[in-house]
């Protein structure tokens, strides 16, 4: 009962939290995302606990059903024994009635013929003493057999009646056990049904939180999608967007958003290929129309090369043009299933990793560069992460211990929604 009360309390609390995250207007975006993170982890833990409880109930139901089947078998066997005893009782009753009829006739005959007088006459008319003795013995034998018959009838009747009573009691006990087992089964089934309803409700709540996470992940790649979907994007912009999408894929858990990202990568590459083909065609046309002026062609070629080199320089130096640079004190953490931004925490030395920041210093969703750690997205928060303190995500507890606390430089490369 206590477990059930605690369970219902948890569900009510979780439902309240979900509506608060979804509809409260007093929360900042960072606070709302943090709420969804905590909510998701709470739901995950509660669902795991419920699944464990339901598994235990399933085992309990199996045990009760096994006992119930055994009891039903005993009831059936006892019922057959009762039928057999009842049949024997009926046969005994028939024998008793038959023997009773014989005794009744004999007693009636003795009464009607005044047996006491007849016996004296019967003895007095003996031929000799031996004959008289034999007659007396015969009469006593008849009386003895009659008494024996009466005793046997009474004993057999008492035995059968007692057997029937014992079996009836056994059947009554078994029926009680069956009723008790059915009551226990109904109670466990009700408990299982209640917990299953709770589990369904929690899964529904988890799905709502997952939709928030999916929205966060879609927002994370929205800038790259807009570049790839734009008809005015340059080859350089498309290449940069594709590169960023590939680095972000590891942080995406939603199949829908993963499909968006992978489709955008393919579309972006197709656009780059189309631009290169178009540029090649234009180059051929320009070469054919300017055959008479080799000098101009050389100058044009030089100009084109210079422009291309200038574009590559911008791409290379893009990460060097920092919005801001901070001196930070960095600790390390590991574990967890979801960040405050609703993303998976990851450590990818060759891509983009996860760090925790104070959103009032580094906005959530910003892209940063930390020499010695690499590129990262500021997607998590923490109670102790205030001011110029950051937390770097690593893959193991040992790595975190080895890192300890270090002073690092953080370069802010891009703000949320701009990369």
Foldseek 3Di string as FASTA:
>chain_A
DVVLVVLVVLLVVLVVLLCCLVDPPPDDLLRSLLSLQVSLVSLVVSLVVLVVVLVVLVVVLVVLVVVLVVLVVVLVVLVVVLVVLVVVLVVLVVVCVVLVVVVVVVVVVCVVVVVVVVLVVVLVPAPDPVRSVVSVVVVVVVVVVNVVVVVVSVVVNVVSVVVNVVSVVVSVVSVVVNVVSVVVSVVSVVVSVSSVVSSVSSVVSSVSSLVQLVVLLCLLLVLLLVLLPDPPHDLLSLVVSLQQLVLCLVFDDDPVSNVVSVVSNVSSVVVNVVVVVVVVVVVVVVCVVCVVPVPVVVVVVVVVVVVVVVSVVCVVCLQVPFPDKDWAKEAEDEDGQAASSSIGADQDQVGAGEKEADCVVANASFWKAWVVRGIYGHHHHDPPHDDRYMYGYDHDPVVRVVCGIDIIMMTGNGHRPND
